[in-house]
Structures are given as C-alpha cells and as structure tokens.
Amino acid sequence: MDDRGGQGVGWSRLFGWGLAVLALWFVFRWLRGVDPLVWQQFQSLEVTSVLISFVLFQGWFVLRYLGWEFISRRYGLDSQRASNLRMWTLSELMRYIPGNVWSFAARYRGAKERGTGRRGAAVSLVVEASNLVAGAALVAAVFWRPEWWLLWLLAAGVFVTIWPWLVRRLASWRKWEFPKPLSYRDSVVLLGVYLAVWLLYGLAQAIIILSIPGLSTPGLTFLLGINVTAWLIGYVSVITPMGLGVREVAFVTLLKNTIAPGVGSMLAVLTRVWLVVCELAFLGLVTIFTSRRPGSLE
C-alpha cells in the first residue's frame, strides 16, 4: 500500500501547526512590548461596555467565517464545519507572521485540501478579500459622506454584479467547473454579510473608546467610521503584518482634528490590543468547539 499521500498530508499539518505556534509567538512578543500605560487604561474601562464589545467582536469573527464558508462551499469545499472553522481561524492568526503571505497561503492550502482544488481555492480567496475590502469601503464611505448615498448605492450595485460575471467568464474561458459558482443573488447576500461584518467591528471598537472615563471623544457613528477606515488602510497597505503601524498612523491622522495626537496614539494601541485579545479568545473558543466535534480532526 502506498502511503506517500498520507505522509504528505501529515507533514503539511505539522508545518501548519508550526506556523500557528510561530504566529502565537509573534503575537505574545508584540503584546509584551505594549506600553504599560495602555494596560493600566484597560483597568479603568466600564465592565458592561467591555463585555458588549467582546460579544460584538466574537460575532465579527463568526460572521466573517460564515462569509468564508459560504464562498468556499460554492467553489467545491467539502469538509465538516468544525474542521473548516479551525482551519480558517488558524489561517487568520498567521496574519501576525511577517511576510504578509502566510495567512493567504494557509487558507489556500486548507481549502485545497478540503475539496476546492487549486482553482476553487484561489477564486475563494480572491472573492473573500474583495468582499472584505468592498464592505469596509462602503461602511467607511457612508459614515464619511452619507450625503452621497446614491453614489454608494450605485457602487454596491456594480460590485455585486461584476464578481459573478467575471468568475463565470473566467470559468467559461478556461473551461473550469465549479459546483455552485456565485450567482447574482449570492453576491448580494455576501455584500450584506460583509456590511454587517464591518458595522460589528466599528461598533465594537467605538464602544471600547467611549467606555474610557473622562475622555472627550467624537460620537459613536464617527468613531465607527474612523475604526473601519483605519482597518481598511492597514489591510490594503500590505507593508506590515496585520497592518501594524499603518493602521495606527491612519487612526491618529483621521482623529487629529478632534483628539490630541498623544491621546489618539494611546487609543490606536488600546484598540489594537483589544482586537488581539478578542482574537485569542476566539481561537480558544474555536479550539474547544472543534475538539468536541466528532471527525473534527480529519
């Protein structure tokens, strides 16, 4: 019996777990270097607001995963939810490894091994990333220039129309076959999901900022838009792991007319730390969930 395929999968999984451990090392190294004043600030936060923000962030991760699952199953993914969820969560964690390719590589590998094949995995990655960017851009735009609502509506209409068309044209040209390629209806649903994703993210971060006692800040909707915009700038910068530094500079710059730079810098780091803490908590919850599901280790 030829067991070379099984050995290949075993080495692949071992390499994947090695990357996950490396990502955790980078995360904890970064957290150790955070200014102690930021950690002290956490102690003054209003407990109820912290809990609400925490729940919103867990919903943010869950909704993002469901968006990925929706996309990847259209292009051939055939795996139990527990296994796919763990793969997606670990690949997200790998954003913290310098190089900016490990997260995409891990998700591509995981999707390919779970039934999408090379083409389906590549298309799934591109569609997910484009919906992340489109959702964040629309939320940011609406909160910056709500009076241009008709323009944003037209932009959303173009986006949900172009992706299914492009994928179908590409598949027809290259003679690729996918189980259930995205329809126009699917594209509308996806954009709605990613709009909700970024509303949850912006709201979770805004609530944390507003819970700081004695701090004079702009309103909830303004802070929501600022946080989403700063994330978007960090994501598309592809300069540093997880947009570290770029997102924080963008955040401070966007707030410069309403909050002193020193306070803005503190808020930028505090919200980043809170995001990392919530992500580690989500990783823990996913590990517990998947370990209790039969077949989750296949």
Protein backbone atom coordinates (compact mmCIF):
# COMPACT_ATOMS: atom_id res chain seq x y z
CA MET A 1 0.00 0.00 0.00
CA ASP A 2 1.32 3.42 -0.97
CA ASP A 3 1.08 5.77 1.98
CA ARG A 4 3.02 8.67 0.48
CA GLY A 5 -0.14 10.78 0.19
CA GLY A 6 -0.91 10.27 3.87
CA GLN A 7 2.66 11.17 4.81
CA GLY A 8 2.37 14.34 2.70
CA VAL A 9 -0.79 15.38 4.49
CA GLY A 10 0.86 14.62 7.84
CA TRP A 11 3.86 16.82 7.05
CA SER A 12 1.53 19.53 5.77
CA ARG A 13 -0.44 19.54 9.01
CA LEU A 14 2.75 19.56 11.06
CA PHE A 15 4.01 22.55 9.08
CA GLY A 16 0.65 24.30 9.57
CA TRP A 17 0.74 23.84 13.33
CA GLY A 18 4.33 25.05 13.34
CA LEU A 19 3.22 28.26 11.63
CA ALA A 20 0.40 28.64 14.15
CA VAL A 21 2.86 28.38 17.05
CA LEU A 22 5.13 30.91 15.32
CA ALA A 23 2.20 33.29 14.89
CA LEU A 24 1.34 32.99 18.59
CA TRP A 25 4.96 33.75 19.45
CA PHE A 26 4.85 36.96 17.38
CA VAL A 27 1.53 37.92 19.00
CA PHE A 28 2.76 37.49 22.56
CA ARG A 29 6.07 39.19 21.78
CA TRP A 30 4.16 42.20 20.49
CA LEU A 31 1.82 42.23 23.49
CA ARG A 32 4.80 42.17 25.88
CA GLY A 33 6.13 45.33 24.21
CA VAL A 34 2.92 47.32 24.66
CA ASP A 35 3.25 50.41 26.87
CA PRO A 36 2.21 49.57 30.47
CA LEU A 37 0.05 52.72 30.45
CA VAL A 38 -2.19 51.06 27.86
CA TRP A 39 -2.69 48.04 30.11
CA GLN A 40 -3.47 50.37 33.01
CA GLN A 41 -6.09 52.08 30.89
CA PHE A 42 -7.90 48.77 30.45
CA GLN A 43 -8.42 48.62 34.22
CA SER A 44 -10.48 51.81 34.10
CA LEU A 45 -12.87 50.65 31.37
CA GLU A 46 -16.54 50.20 32.19
CA VAL A 47 -17.17 46.47 32.59
CA THR A 48 -20.52 46.34 30.81
CA SER A 49 -19.12 48.10 27.76
CA VAL A 50 -16.15 45.74 27.68
CA LEU A 51 -18.47 42.73 27.74
CA ILE A 52 -20.67 44.16 24.98
CA SER A 53 -17.64 44.91 22.83
CA PHE A 54 -16.27 41.42 23.46
CA VAL A 55 -19.52 39.79 22.33
CA LEU A 56 -19.63 42.02 19.24
CA PHE A 57 -16.09 41.01 18.32
CA GLN A 58 -16.92 37.31 18.68
CA GLY A 59 -19.86 37.95 16.38
CA TRP A 60 -17.47 39.72 13.98
CA PHE A 61 -15.27 36.64 13.75
CA VAL A 62 -18.22 34.27 13.42
CA LEU A 63 -19.81 36.32 10.66
CA ARG A 64 -16.52 36.57 8.79
CA TYR A 65 -16.12 32.81 8.98
CA LEU A 66 -19.66 32.24 7.72
CA GLY A 67 -18.87 34.51 4.77
CA TRP A 68 -15.80 32.40 4.00
CA GLU A 69 -17.76 29.16 4.33
CA PHE A 70 -20.49 30.47 2.03
CA ILE A 71 -17.91 31.37 -0.62
CA SER A 72 -15.68 28.31 -0.37
CA ARG A 73 -18.57 25.82 -0.49
CA ARG A 74 -19.71 27.40 -3.74
CA TYR A 75 -16.32 26.50 -5.21
CA GLY A 76 -16.07 22.93 -4.01
CA LEU A 77 -15.14 22.87 -0.31
CA ASP A 78 -16.37 19.63 1.20
CA SER A 79 -15.50 19.49 4.88
CA GLN A 80 -17.15 19.42 8.27
CA ARG A 81 -17.76 22.86 9.73
CA ALA A 82 -15.56 22.17 12.76
CA SER A 83 -12.56 21.34 10.61
CA ASN A 84 -13.10 24.28 8.25
CA LEU A 85 -13.66 26.69 11.13
CA ARG A 86 -10.43 25.69 12.81
CA MET A 87 -8.51 25.98 9.54
CA TRP A 88 -9.92 29.47 8.89
CA THR A 89 -9.20 30.67 12.44
CA LEU A 90 -5.60 29.43 12.38
CA SER A 91 -5.03 30.99 8.97
CA GLU A 92 -6.30 34.33 10.36
CA LEU A 93 -3.81 34.06 13.20
CA MET A 94 -0.98 33.76 10.68
CA ARG A 95 -1.51 37.40 9.67
CA TYR A 96 0.84 38.19 12.54
CA ILE A 97 3.81 36.45 10.91
CA PRO A 98 5.99 38.89 8.93
CA GLY A 99 5.74 38.41 5.20
CA ASN A 100 2.03 39.06 4.63
CA VAL A 101 1.55 35.83 2.68
CA TRP A 102 1.22 33.18 5.38
CA SER A 103 -2.45 33.78 6.10
CA PHE A 104 -3.41 33.57 2.44
CA ALA A 105 -1.13 30.56 1.89
CA ALA A 106 -2.58 28.69 4.86
CA ARG A 107 -6.16 29.35 3.78
CA TYR A 108 -5.38 28.38 0.20
CA ARG A 109 -3.77 25.14 1.35
CA GLY A 110 -6.60 24.38 3.77
CA ALA A 111 -9.32 25.00 1.18
CA LYS A 112 -7.49 22.95 -1.45
CA GLU A 113 -7.10 20.00 0.92
CA ARG A 114 -10.80 20.18 1.79
CA GLY A 115 -12.10 19.76 -1.73
CA THR A 116 -11.95 23.05 -3.63
CA GLY A 117 -8.86 22.18 -5.65
CA ARG A 118 -6.32 24.78 -6.74
CA ARG A 119 -8.68 26.87 -8.86
CA GLY A 120 -11.56 26.86 -6.38
CA ALA A 121 -9.23 27.78 -3.51
CA ALA A 122 -7.73 30.69 -5.47
CA VAL A 123 -11.14 32.02 -6.54
CA SER A 124 -12.47 31.69 -2.96
CA LEU A 125 -9.54 33.72 -1.59
CA VAL A 126 -9.98 36.49 -4.14
CA VAL A 127 -13.75 36.72 -3.65
CA GLU A 128 -13.38 36.79 0.16
CA ALA A 129 -10.70 39.50 0.10
CA SER A 130 -12.62 41.64 -2.37
CA ASN A 131 -15.80 41.42 -0.28
CA LEU A 132 -13.85 42.34 2.86
CA VAL A 133 -12.46 45.43 1.14
CA ALA A 134 -15.77 46.34 -0.53
CA GLY A 135 -17.75 46.00 2.70
CA ALA A 136 -15.24 48.07 4.68
CA ALA A 137 -15.00 50.71 1.94
CA LEU A 138 -18.78 51.11 1.75
CA VAL A 139 -19.20 51.37 5.51
CA ALA A 140 -16.34 53.88 5.72
CA ALA A 141 -17.73 55.90 2.81
CA VAL A 142 -21.25 56.04 4.19
CA PHE A 143 -20.03 57.32 7.56
CA TRP A 144 -17.72 59.87 5.94
CA ARG A 145 -20.05 61.15 3.23
CA PRO A 146 -23.61 59.98 3.95
CA GLU A 147 -25.00 62.67 1.61
CA TRP A 148 -23.53 60.73 -1.30
CA TRP A 149 -25.72 57.74 -0.53
CA LEU A 150 -26.82 57.36 -4.17
CA LEU A 151 -23.19 57.05 -5.31
CA TRP A 152 -22.50 54.38 -2.67
CA LEU A 153 -25.66 52.52 -3.72
CA LEU A 154 -24.52 52.53 -7.34
CA ALA A 155 -21.04 51.35 -6.31
CA ALA A 156 -22.57 48.46 -4.38
CA GLY A 157 -24.71 47.57 -7.39
CA VAL A 158 -21.70 47.46 -9.68
CA PHE A 159 -19.75 45.33 -7.21
CA VAL A 160 -22.43 42.65 -6.73
CA THR A 161 -22.88 42.46 -10.49
CA ILE A 162 -19.27 42.27 -11.60
CA TRP A 163 -17.96 39.38 -9.47
CA PRO A 164 -20.36 36.63 -10.60
CA TRP A 165 -19.92 37.80 -14.19
CA LEU A 166 -16.11 37.79 -14.01
CA VAL A 167 -15.93 34.35 -12.39
CA ARG A 168 -18.35 32.85 -14.91
CA ARG A 169 -16.46 34.36 -17.84
CA LEU A 170 -13.14 33.11 -16.48
CA ALA A 171 -14.55 29.62 -15.87
CA SER A 172 -16.01 29.52 -19.38
CA TRP A 173 -12.78 30.73 -20.98
CA ARG A 174 -10.52 28.35 -19.04
CA LYS A 175 -13.10 25.52 -19.04
CA TRP A 176 -13.14 25.36 -15.25
CA GLU A 177 -16.01 23.64 -13.49
CA PHE A 178 -17.29 24.69 -10.07
CA PRO A 179 -20.14 23.00 -8.12
CA LYS A 180 -22.19 26.16 -7.49
CA PRO A 181 -20.43 29.32 -8.67
CA LEU A 182 -21.66 32.56 -7.14
CA SER A 183 -24.94 33.82 -8.57
CA TYR A 184 -26.01 37.46 -8.57
CA ARG A 185 -28.26 36.71 -5.61
CA ASP A 186 -25.32 35.13 -3.76
CA SER A 187 -23.25 38.25 -4.43
CA VAL A 188 -25.94 40.48 -2.91
CA VAL A 189 -26.15 38.24 0.16
CA LEU A 190 -22.38 38.29 0.56
CA LEU A 191 -22.13 42.06 0.36
CA GLY A 192 -24.86 42.30 3.00
CA VAL A 193 -22.89 39.92 5.23
CA TYR A 194 -19.70 41.95 4.91
CA LEU A 195 -21.51 45.22 5.53
CA ALA A 196 -22.76 43.67 8.78
CA VAL A 197 -19.21 42.44 9.48
CA TRP A 198 -17.82 45.97 9.41
CA LEU A 199 -20.68 47.51 11.32
CA LEU A 200 -19.94 45.00 14.11
CA TYR A 201 -16.22 45.78 14.01
CA GLY A 202 -16.65 49.54 14.07
CA LEU A 203 -19.26 49.36 16.81
CA ALA A 204 -17.12 47.05 18.99
CA GLN A 205 -14.12 49.40 18.79
CA ALA A 206 -16.20 52.56 19.25
CA ILE A 207 -17.80 51.17 22.42
CA ILE A 208 -14.37 50.47 23.92
CA ILE A 209 -13.24 54.04 23.23
CA LEU A 210 -16.42 55.54 24.61
CA SER A 211 -16.10 53.47 27.79
CA ILE A 212 -12.88 55.26 28.81
CA PRO A 213 -13.83 57.53 31.75
CA GLY A 214 -13.16 61.26 31.46
CA LEU A 215 -12.21 61.13 27.79
CA SER A 216 -13.83 63.65 25.45
CA THR A 217 -14.38 61.87 22.13
CA PRO A 218 -16.48 62.25 18.98
CA GLY A 219 -19.80 60.43 18.71
CA LEU A 220 -20.43 56.73 18.19
CA THR A 221 -21.04 56.85 14.44
CA PHE A 222 -17.94 58.98 13.81
CA LEU A 223 -15.75 56.57 15.78
CA LEU A 224 -17.30 53.63 13.97
CA GLY A 225 -16.34 55.11 10.61
CA ILE A 226 -12.82 56.02 11.82
CA ASN A 227 -12.07 52.49 13.02
CA VAL A 228 -13.29 50.83 9.82
CA THR A 229 -11.38 53.29 7.65
CA ALA A 230 -8.16 52.78 9.62
CA TRP A 231 -8.52 48.99 9.33
CA LEU A 232 -9.06 49.29 5.58
CA ILE A 233 -5.94 51.42 5.11
CA GLY A 234 -3.88 48.95 7.13
CA TYR A 235 -5.25 45.97 5.19
CA VAL A 236 -4.59 47.31 1.71
CA SER A 237 -1.15 48.66 2.67
CA VAL A 238 0.41 45.13 2.64
CA ILE A 239 3.50 46.68 4.25
CA THR A 240 3.48 45.20 7.74
CA PRO A 241 1.96 42.10 9.37
CA MET A 242 -1.75 42.70 10.15
CA GLY A 243 -1.22 46.35 9.14
CA LEU A 244 0.74 47.05 12.33
CA GLY A 245 1.79 50.68 12.43
CA VAL A 246 -0.02 51.64 9.23
CA ARG A 247 -3.46 51.21 10.78
CA GLU A 248 -2.35 53.08 13.93
CA VAL A 249 -0.90 56.03 11.97
CA ALA A 250 -4.08 56.20 9.88
CA PHE A 251 -6.20 56.13 13.04
CA VAL A 252 -4.27 59.01 14.67
CA THR A 253 -4.29 61.03 11.44
CA LEU A 254 -8.04 60.64 10.96
CA LEU A 255 -8.65 61.80 14.55
CA LYS A 256 -6.17 64.70 14.53
CA ASN A 257 -8.86 67.40 14.28
CA THR A 258 -10.89 66.02 17.19
CA ILE A 259 -8.40 64.41 19.60
CA ALA A 260 -4.83 65.34 20.59
CA PRO A 261 -2.19 63.17 18.84
CA GLY A 262 -0.95 61.74 22.15
CA VAL A 263 -4.42 60.60 23.14
CA GLY A 264 -5.06 59.33 19.62
CA SER A 265 -1.89 57.21 19.74
CA MET A 266 -2.97 55.70 23.05
CA LEU A 267 -6.41 54.88 21.61
CA ALA A 268 -4.87 53.35 18.49
CA VAL A 269 -2.74 50.95 20.54
CA LEU A 270 -5.52 50.23 23.02
CA THR A 271 -7.99 49.27 20.28
CA ARG A 272 -5.32 47.14 18.58
CA VAL A 273 -4.59 45.30 21.84
CA TRP A 274 -8.30 44.76 22.39
CA LEU A 275 -8.67 43.29 18.90
CA VAL A 276 -5.77 40.88 19.55
CA VAL A 277 -7.18 39.83 22.93
CA CYS A 278 -10.60 39.15 21.39
CA GLU A 279 -8.99 37.16 18.58
CA LEU A 280 -7.03 35.00 21.02
CA ALA A 281 -10.26 34.40 22.93
CA PHE A 282 -12.00 33.39 19.71
CA LEU A 283 -9.14 30.99 18.94
CA GLY A 284 -9.61 29.42 22.36
CA LEU A 285 -13.36 29.06 21.87
CA VAL A 286 -12.86 27.51 18.42
CA THR A 287 -10.29 25.06 19.81
CA ILE A 288 -12.78 23.93 22.48
CA PHE A 289 -15.63 23.73 19.95
CA THR A 290 -13.72 21.72 17.35
CA SER A 291 -12.15 19.34 19.86
CA ARG A 292 -15.62 18.21 20.92
CA ARG A 293 -16.92 17.55 17.42
CA PRO A 294 -16.60 14.00 16.03
CA GLY A 295 -14.37 13.97 12.96
CA SER A 296 -13.08 17.46 13.56
CA LEU A 297 -9.53 16.21 13.39
CA GLU A 298 -9.82 14.63 9.96
